[in-house]
Amino acid sequence: MKKIRVGIVGCGAIGTSLAKAVARDFSKGARLSALYDINLKKTKDLSRVLARNIAVSKLSQLISKSDLVI
């Protein structure tokens, strides 16, 4: 089964919780493909916490890398 590529817009408290849940609890069927926040520092920080290089600087990049955008 192909994993759903998930992109998350917003890397505050809610986005961080969602990203961690996708990475931890839904890894069999989904994978984080991109993170975006208007504050690029938040995006990069969350990407580092998750140990993945998935931070993007434009919303259009996130959309093109995702099957599902949250």
PDB file of N, CA and C in Angstrom:
ATOM      1  N   MET A   1       0.827  -1.176   0.000  1.00  0.00           N
ATOM      2  CA  MET A   1       0.000   0.000   0.000  1.00  0.00           C
ATOM      3  C   MET A   1       0.880   1.251   0.000  1.00  0.00           C
ATOM      4  N   LYS A   2       0.543   2.205  -0.830  1.00  0.00           N
ATOM      5  CA  LYS A   2       1.281   3.454  -0.920  1.00  0.00           C
ATOM      6  C   LYS A   2       0.939   4.339   0.279  1.00  0.00           C
ATOM      7  N   LYS A   3       1.959   4.904   0.903  1.00  0.00           N
ATOM      8  CA  LYS A   3       1.738   5.792   2.030  1.00  0.00           C
ATOM      9  C   LYS A   3       1.229   7.148   1.551  1.00  0.00           C
ATOM     10  N   ILE A   4       0.298   7.714   2.301  1.00  0.00           N
ATOM     11  CA  ILE A   4      -0.215   9.047   2.011  1.00  0.00           C
ATOM     12  C   ILE A   4       0.830  10.066   2.454  1.00  0.00           C
ATOM     13  N   ARG A   5       1.150  10.990   1.558  1.00  0.00           N
ATOM     14  CA  ARG A   5       2.104  12.053   1.876  1.00  0.00           C
ATOM     15  C   ARG A   5       1.335  13.191   2.548  1.00  0.00           C
ATOM     16  N   VAL A   6       1.700  13.497   3.794  1.00  0.00           N
ATOM     17  CA  VAL A   6       0.992  14.493   4.588  1.00  0.00           C
ATOM     18  C   VAL A   6       1.840  15.747   4.731  1.00  0.00           C
ATOM     19  N   GLY A   7       1.233  16.886   4.428  1.00  0.00           N
ATOM     20  CA  GLY A   7       1.866  18.178   4.638  1.00  0.00           C
ATOM     21  C   GLY A   7       1.111  18.931   5.714  1.00  0.00           C
ATOM     22  N   ILE A   8       1.825  19.599   6.587  1.00  0.00           N
ATOM     23  CA  ILE A   8       1.189  20.340   7.674  1.00  0.00           C
ATOM     24  C   ILE A   8       1.526  21.817   7.561  1.00  0.00           C
ATOM     25  N   VAL A   9       0.484  22.634   7.576  1.00  0.00           N
ATOM     26  CA  VAL A   9       0.629  24.084   7.539  1.00  0.00           C
ATOM     27  C   VAL A   9       0.445  24.595   8.960  1.00  0.00           C
ATOM     28  N   GLY A  10       1.463  25.239   9.464  1.00  0.00           N
ATOM     29  CA  GLY A  10       1.430  25.757  10.827  1.00  0.00           C
ATOM     30  C   GLY A  10       2.253  24.869  11.742  1.00  0.00           C
ATOM     31  N   CYS A  11       3.266  25.432  12.338  1.00  0.00           N
ATOM     32  CA  CYS A  11       4.184  24.657  13.183  1.00  0.00           C
ATOM     33  C   CYS A  11       4.159  25.137  14.630  1.00  0.00           C
ATOM     34  N   GLY A  12       3.002  25.603  15.053  1.00  0.00           N
ATOM     35  CA  GLY A  12       2.822  25.988  16.448  1.00  0.00           C
ATOM     36  C   GLY A  12       2.464  24.762  17.269  1.00  0.00           C
ATOM     37  N   ALA A  13       1.711  24.961  18.331  1.00  0.00           N
ATOM     38  CA  ALA A  13       1.366  23.876  19.245  1.00  0.00           C
ATOM     39  C   ALA A  13       0.543  22.789  18.558  1.00  0.00           C
ATOM     40  N   ILE A  14      -0.463  23.174  17.807  1.00  0.00           N
ATOM     41  CA  ILE A  14      -1.321  22.183  17.142  1.00  0.00           C
ATOM     42  C   ILE A  14      -0.568  21.471  16.026  1.00  0.00           C
ATOM     43  N   GLY A  15       0.121  22.223  15.180  1.00  0.00           N
ATOM     44  CA  GLY A  15       0.877  21.612  14.092  1.00  0.00           C
ATOM     45  C   GLY A  15       1.962  20.672  14.590  1.00  0.00           C
ATOM     46  N   THR A  16       2.607  21.041  15.675  1.00  0.00           N
ATOM     47  CA  THR A  16       3.646  20.190  16.264  1.00  0.00           C
ATOM     48  C   THR A  16       3.039  18.890  16.769  1.00  0.00           C
ATOM     49  N   SER A  17       1.915  18.984  17.465  1.00  0.00           N
ATOM     50  CA  SER A  17       1.239  17.773  17.963  1.00  0.00           C
ATOM     51  C   SER A  17       0.806  16.874  16.818  1.00  0.00           C
ATOM     52  N   LEU A  18       0.256  17.465  15.772  1.00  0.00           N
ATOM     53  CA  LEU A  18      -0.169  16.681  14.615  1.00  0.00           C
ATOM     54  C   LEU A  18       1.013  16.007  13.936  1.00  0.00           C
ATOM     55  N   ALA A  19       2.085  16.753  13.746  1.00  0.00           N
ATOM     56  CA  ALA A  19       3.274  16.201  13.077  1.00  0.00           C
ATOM     57  C   ALA A  19       3.843  15.027  13.868  1.00  0.00           C
ATOM     58  N   LYS A  20       3.936  15.185  15.167  1.00  0.00           N
ATOM     59  CA  LYS A  20       4.451  14.100  15.996  1.00  0.00           C
ATOM     60  C   LYS A  20       3.531  12.880  15.949  1.00  0.00           C
ATOM     61  N   ALA A  21       2.228  13.104  15.946  1.00  0.00           N
ATOM     62  CA  ALA A  21       1.276  11.996  15.886  1.00  0.00           C
ATOM     63  C   ALA A  21       1.363  11.259  14.554  1.00  0.00           C
ATOM     64  N   VAL A  22       1.472  11.985  13.466  1.00  0.00           N
ATOM     65  CA  VAL A  22       1.602  11.343  12.152  1.00  0.00           C
ATOM     66  C   VAL A  22       2.872  10.503  12.116  1.00  0.00           C
ATOM     67  N   ALA A  23       3.976  11.072  12.584  1.00  0.00           N
ATOM     68  CA  ALA A  23       5.258  10.366  12.560  1.00  0.00           C
ATOM     69  C   ALA A  23       5.253   9.145  13.477  1.00  0.00           C
ATOM     70  N   ARG A  24       4.600   9.258  14.623  1.00  0.00           N
ATOM     71  CA  ARG A  24       4.639   8.198  15.628  1.00  0.00           C
ATOM     72  C   ARG A  24       3.526   7.161  15.441  1.00  0.00           C
ATOM     73  N   ASP A  25       2.293   7.614  15.238  1.00  0.00           N
ATOM     74  CA  ASP A  25       1.136   6.723  15.292  1.00  0.00           C
ATOM     75  C   ASP A  25       0.603   6.266  13.937  1.00  0.00           C
ATOM     76  N   PHE A  26       0.947   6.967  12.879  1.00  0.00           N
ATOM     77  CA  PHE A  26       0.383   6.642  11.574  1.00  0.00           C
ATOM     78  C   PHE A  26       1.445   6.317  10.531  1.00  0.00           C
ATOM     79  N   SER A  27       2.614   5.901  10.979  1.00  0.00           N
ATOM     80  CA  SER A  27       3.730   5.675  10.064  1.00  0.00           C
ATOM     81  C   SER A  27       3.491   4.517   9.093  1.00  0.00           C
ATOM     82  N   LYS A  28       2.581   3.619   9.400  1.00  0.00           N
ATOM     83  CA  LYS A  28       2.307   2.510   8.475  1.00  0.00           C
ATOM     84  C   LYS A  28       1.570   2.978   7.226  1.00  0.00           C
ATOM     85  N   GLY A  29       0.702   3.976   7.371  1.00  0.00           N
ATOM     86  CA  GLY A  29      -0.101   4.407   6.238  1.00  0.00           C
ATOM     87  C   GLY A  29       0.177   5.800   5.743  1.00  0.00           C
ATOM     88  N   ALA A  30       0.985   6.557   6.499  1.00  0.00           N
ATOM     89  CA  ALA A  30       1.240   7.952   6.121  1.00  0.00           C
ATOM     90  C   ALA A  30       2.670   8.331   6.468  1.00  0.00           C
ATOM     91  N   ARG A  31       3.164   9.349   5.766  1.00  0.00           N
ATOM     92  CA  ARG A  31       4.476   9.894   6.088  1.00  0.00           C
ATOM     93  C   ARG A  31       4.417  11.407   5.936  1.00  0.00           C
ATOM     94  N   LEU A  32       5.118  12.090   6.802  1.00  0.00           N
ATOM     95  CA  LEU A  32       5.210  13.539   6.691  1.00  0.00           C
ATOM     96  C   LEU A  32       6.053  13.880   5.478  1.00  0.00           C
ATOM     97  N   SER A  33       5.513  14.707   4.613  1.00  0.00           N
ATOM     98  CA  SER A  33       6.245  15.062   3.400  1.00  0.00           C
ATOM     99  C   SER A  33       6.741  16.501   3.417  1.00  0.00           C
ATOM    100  N   ALA A  34       6.064  17.375   4.176  1.00  0.00           N
ATOM    101  CA  ALA A  34       6.467  18.784   4.204  1.00  0.00           C
ATOM    102  C   ALA A  34       5.839  19.496   5.392  1.00  0.00           C
ATOM    103  N   LEU A  35       6.558  20.500   5.873  1.00  0.00           N
ATOM    104  CA  LEU A  35       6.076  21.388   6.929  1.00  0.00           C
ATOM    105  C   LEU A  35       6.216  22.815   6.441  1.00  0.00           C
ATOM    106  N   TYR A  36       5.227  23.660   6.764  1.00  0.00           N
ATOM    107  CA  TYR A  36       5.303  25.071   6.384  1.00  0.00           C
ATOM    108  C   TYR A  36       4.697  25.926   7.490  1.00  0.00           C
ATOM    109  N   ASP A  37       5.328  27.054   7.747  1.00  0.00           N
ATOM    110  CA  ASP A  37       4.788  28.074   8.633  1.00  0.00           C
ATOM    111  C   ASP A  37       5.256  29.413   8.101  1.00  0.00           C
ATOM    112  N   ILE A  38       4.472  30.436   8.282  1.00  0.00           N
ATOM    113  CA  ILE A  38       4.880  31.765   7.836  1.00  0.00           C
ATOM    114  C   ILE A  38       6.177  32.191   8.540  1.00  0.00           C
ATOM    115  N   ASN A  39       6.385  31.665   9.738  1.00  0.00           N
ATOM    116  CA  ASN A  39       7.626  31.883  10.486  1.00  0.00           C
ATOM    117  C   ASN A  39       8.571  30.722  10.156  1.00  0.00           C
ATOM    118  N   LEU A  40       9.509  30.963   9.280  1.00  0.00           N
ATOM    119  CA  LEU A  40      10.405  29.905   8.791  1.00  0.00           C
ATOM    120  C   LEU A  40      11.225  29.260   9.913  1.00  0.00           C
ATOM    121  N   LYS A  41      11.531  30.015  10.960  1.00  0.00           N
ATOM    122  CA  LYS A  41      12.276  29.455  12.088  1.00  0.00           C
ATOM    123  C   LYS A  41      11.478  28.330  12.747  1.00  0.00           C
ATOM    124  N   LYS A  42      10.179  28.514  12.925  1.00  0.00           N
ATOM    125  CA  LYS A  42       9.337  27.462  13.501  1.00  0.00           C
ATOM    126  C   LYS A  42       9.348  26.214  12.617  1.00  0.00           C
ATOM    127  N   THR A  43       9.300  26.430  11.324  1.00  0.00           N
ATOM    128  CA  THR A  43       9.310  25.308  10.379  1.00  0.00           C
ATOM    129  C   THR A  43      10.599  24.513  10.509  1.00  0.00           C
ATOM    130  N   LYS A  44      11.716  25.206  10.508  1.00  0.00           N
ATOM    131  CA  LYS A  44      13.017  24.536  10.611  1.00  0.00           C
ATOM    132  C   LYS A  44      13.202  23.857  11.966  1.00  0.00           C
ATOM    133  N   ASP A  45      12.744  24.509  13.026  1.00  0.00           N
ATOM    134  CA  ASP A  45      12.864  23.920  14.364  1.00  0.00           C
ATOM    135  C   ASP A  45      12.078  22.615  14.473  1.00  0.00           C
ATOM    136  N   LEU A  46      10.847  22.604  13.986  1.00  0.00           N
ATOM    137  CA  LEU A  46      10.039  21.389  14.044  1.00  0.00           C
ATOM    138  C   LEU A  46      10.643  20.299  13.166  1.00  0.00           C
ATOM    139  N   SER A  47      11.142  20.660  12.023  1.00  0.00           N
ATOM    140  CA  SER A  47      11.795  19.695  11.147  1.00  0.00           C
ATOM    141  C   SER A  47      12.979  19.035  11.858  1.00  0.00           C
ATOM    142  N   ARG A  48      13.745  19.832  12.604  1.00  0.00           N
ATOM    143  CA  ARG A  48      14.880  19.300  13.370  1.00  0.00           C
ATOM    144  C   ARG A  48      14.420  18.373  14.493  1.00  0.00           C
ATOM    145  N   VAL A  49      13.369  18.768  15.207  1.00  0.00           N
ATOM    146  CA  VAL A  49      12.831  17.938  16.293  1.00  0.00           C
ATOM    147  C   VAL A  49      12.414  16.577  15.764  1.00  0.00           C
ATOM    148  N   LEU A  50      11.821  16.556  14.578  1.00  0.00           N
ATOM    149  CA  LEU A  50      11.359  15.306  13.967  1.00  0.00           C
ATOM    150  C   LEU A  50      12.494  14.558  13.263  1.00  0.00           C
ATOM    151  N   ALA A  51      13.675  15.171  13.213  1.00  0.00           N
ATOM    152  CA  ALA A  51      14.847  14.586  12.554  1.00  0.00           C
ATOM    153  C   ALA A  51      14.563  14.268  11.084  1.00  0.00           C
ATOM    154  N   ARG A  52      13.905  15.208  10.427  1.00  0.00           N
ATOM    155  CA  ARG A  52      13.597  15.055   9.002  1.00  0.00           C
ATOM    156  C   ARG A  52      13.842  16.382   8.303  1.00  0.00           C
ATOM    157  N   ASN A  53      14.294  16.325   7.093  1.00  0.00           N
ATOM    158  CA  ASN A  53      14.536  17.527   6.307  1.00  0.00           C
ATOM    159  C   ASN A  53      13.311  17.788   5.430  1.00  0.00           C
ATOM    160  N   ILE A  54      12.237  18.258   6.058  1.00  0.00           N
ATOM    161  CA  ILE A  54      10.980  18.430   5.322  1.00  0.00           C
ATOM    162  C   ILE A  54      10.444  19.855   5.393  1.00  0.00           C
ATOM    163  N   ALA A  55      11.238  20.788   5.883  1.00  0.00           N
ATOM    164  CA  ALA A  55      10.822  22.189   5.955  1.00  0.00           C
ATOM    165  C   ALA A  55      10.813  22.790   4.550  1.00  0.00           C
ATOM    166  N   VAL A  56       9.744  23.516   4.230  1.00  0.00           N
ATOM    167  CA  VAL A  56       9.673  24.233   2.955  1.00  0.00           C
ATOM    168  C   VAL A  56       9.387  25.702   3.246  1.00  0.00           C
ATOM    169  N   SER A  57       9.773  26.568   2.325  1.00  0.00           N
ATOM    170  CA  SER A  57       9.621  28.006   2.547  1.00  0.00           C
ATOM    171  C   SER A  57       8.434  28.613   1.810  1.00  0.00           C
ATOM    172  N   LYS A  58       7.753  27.809   1.007  1.00  0.00           N
ATOM    173  CA  LYS A  58       6.581  28.307   0.266  1.00  0.00           C
ATOM    174  C   LYS A  58       5.435  27.307   0.386  1.00  0.00           C
ATOM    175  N   LEU A  59       4.240  27.840   0.543  1.00  0.00           N
ATOM    176  CA  LEU A  59       3.056  26.994   0.649  1.00  0.00           C
ATOM    177  C   LEU A  59       2.878  26.155  -0.615  1.00  0.00           C
ATOM    178  N   SER A  60       3.198  26.699  -1.764  1.00  0.00           N
ATOM    179  CA  SER A  60       3.053  25.951  -3.023  1.00  0.00           C
ATOM    180  C   SER A  60       3.949  24.709  -3.042  1.00  0.00           C
ATOM    181  N   GLN A  61       5.120  24.791  -2.403  1.00  0.00           N
ATOM    182  CA  GLN A  61       6.001  23.625  -2.318  1.00  0.00           C
ATOM    183  C   GLN A  61       5.358  22.525  -1.487  1.00  0.00           C
ATOM    184  N   LEU A  62       4.749  22.913  -0.363  1.00  0.00           N
ATOM    185  CA  LEU A  62       4.081  21.941   0.495  1.00  0.00           C
ATOM    186  C   LEU A  62       2.958  21.250  -0.263  1.00  0.00           C
ATOM    187  N   ILE A  63       2.157  22.036  -0.965  1.00  0.00           N
ATOM    188  CA  ILE A  63       1.032  21.461  -1.700  1.00  0.00           C
ATOM    189  C   ILE A  63       1.504  20.470  -2.760  1.00  0.00           C
ATOM    190  N   SER A  64       2.565  20.810  -3.469  1.00  0.00           N
ATOM    191  CA  SER A  64       3.040  19.907  -4.534  1.00  0.00           C
ATOM    192  C   SER A  64       3.643  18.619  -3.992  1.00  0.00           C
ATOM    193  N   LYS A  65       4.086  18.632  -2.721  1.00  0.00           N
ATOM    194  CA  LYS A  65       4.703  17.438  -2.132  1.00  0.00           C
ATOM    195  C   LYS A  65       3.724  16.593  -1.314  1.00  0.00           C
ATOM    196  N   SER A  66       2.444  16.984  -1.282  1.00  0.00           N
ATOM    197  CA  SER A  66       1.490  16.351  -0.378  1.00  0.00           C
ATOM    198  C   SER A  66       0.269  15.801  -1.096  1.00  0.00           C
ATOM    199  N   ASP A  67      -0.229  14.667  -0.561  1.00  0.00           N
ATOM    200  CA  ASP A  67      -1.523  14.140  -0.985  1.00  0.00           C
ATOM    201  C   ASP A  67      -2.621  14.690  -0.087  1.00  0.00           C
ATOM    202  N   LEU A  68      -2.274  15.007   1.158  1.00  0.00           N
ATOM    203  CA  LEU A  68      -3.199  15.518   2.159  1.00  0.00           C
ATOM    204  C   LEU A  68      -2.546  16.694   2.868  1.00  0.00           C
ATOM    205  N   VAL A  69      -3.239  17.821   2.919  1.00  0.00           N
ATOM    206  CA  VAL A  69      -2.726  19.009   3.598  1.00  0.00           C
ATOM    207  C   VAL A  69      -3.582  19.271   4.824  1.00  0.00           C
ATOM    208  N   ILE A  70      -2.911  19.398   5.972  1.00  0.00           N
ATOM    209  CA  ILE A  70      -3.613  19.696   7.225  1.00  0.00           C
ATOM    210  C   ILE A  70      -3.211  21.082   7.661  1.00  0.00           C
TER     211      ILE A  70
END
